[in-house]
Each structure stands twice: as C-alpha cells, then as structure tokens.
C-alpha cells in the first residue's frame, strides 16, 4: 500500500485554509498546515492558498518568506499548487484599485480587473480545459466555484522544447480569463477546488497523483 502524499498547506495568514485542508485530506493527502520553511521545502507538494487583496497576500507571504519557499521548490522541480489569489501572485504584477503590486514573478504578465458588468464573479462556471491537462482529467465538463474580481486575462510565456508546453484552462466572465495553468511543477487554479464539491476533490486527487 502506497503512503499518502505529504502536502504542506502554507499557513501565512490567508483565510479559508481549513476547508482547503479538509478537501486535500478527502482527496487522499496527509496535510500539514504550517509556515515552517523546512516542512514546506521537504513536502511532496506545497499548496499556496489565497483570499482577499493581491497586495495584502503578497505582504503576508513575504512576512513568512513564502516567496523564497515557492522559488526554491520550483527551482528544484518540486510541485506547487496555487489557489485563487495564490494563483494570481504567481504572475509578475497585480493591479487592484490603481495599485500596482509586484508578485512572485514565476509567470510573466499582470492580474487585472475583469471587464464584466457584474463583479465579483461569484458562483459556478464551466471551463475550457487545456490540452493535455492533468488536473482536469475526467472532469473536463464539470463546473467549478469562483469568487473573484481580478484574473490573468492573457498568457505570454513562450516555452521552448525540450520543456513541455503549459496546459492553459480558460473560463469566461465578461471576457476570457485563465481559470487554471499547469506549467511544469507549478499548477494553479483561479477557482476554489475546496468549494467545488466532488469535481474539486477529483481535481485535487488528480494533482496528488501527479506528485509521484
């Protein structure tokens, strides 16, 4: 019998971590909620949650040196999963209410307000799963739960062989935006898997399987 994957859910002051921990456990992970640097670096997978404003999340992340942990893991090819604002901060910049905040810069581009008449984008939505997606294997036609007003609305990273092309998943609310990205060891979802019922659990289980 194979042991459960050890996952650290990065505890840096962002809300909603306990429902994420429960969802990961339901998906089959052994979960530790901590900001401990060693534990975060040594775990099979690291999950970076995030709710609220881009600038506040970045400030909290840097306060626990979460930026360094993410960078070190990815430099070593160790898997990281970002959720909601935890996805947004992977980009170079976030622009909210006229404030431009530097992100982690793992991906080029900016996170900006959706051009929709009704914000936030709150509730269930379908996605256009990317080619070769691991996260959406078997759940391509499911709906997922979103709560956000900002998103990355373009993709500009040019990946050259031998590196695999990223799998980009899109959704629409007033215009197309990135609902998920799978790029080597770094994956992220704009929606909340932990609020997305059985489809969200299946997505997390798919991610856990990819940690082999």
Foldseek 3Di string as FASTA:
>chain_A
DDAAFEEEEEAQPAPPVVLVQVLLVLLGHDYDHYLDLVSLQPGLEYEYEHDDDLQVSQVSCVVSPVLVSVVVCVVVLRAYEYEASRVQLCEQWEADPNDIDGGSHVFYDYKYFAQAPDPDPFAKFAKQWFPPDLLCVPPNGAIFTAHGGIAGQDHDDDDDPPFDDKGFMWTDHNHIGTQWIGGRRYIYGNTDLSPGPPSSSSSSSSNSVVSD
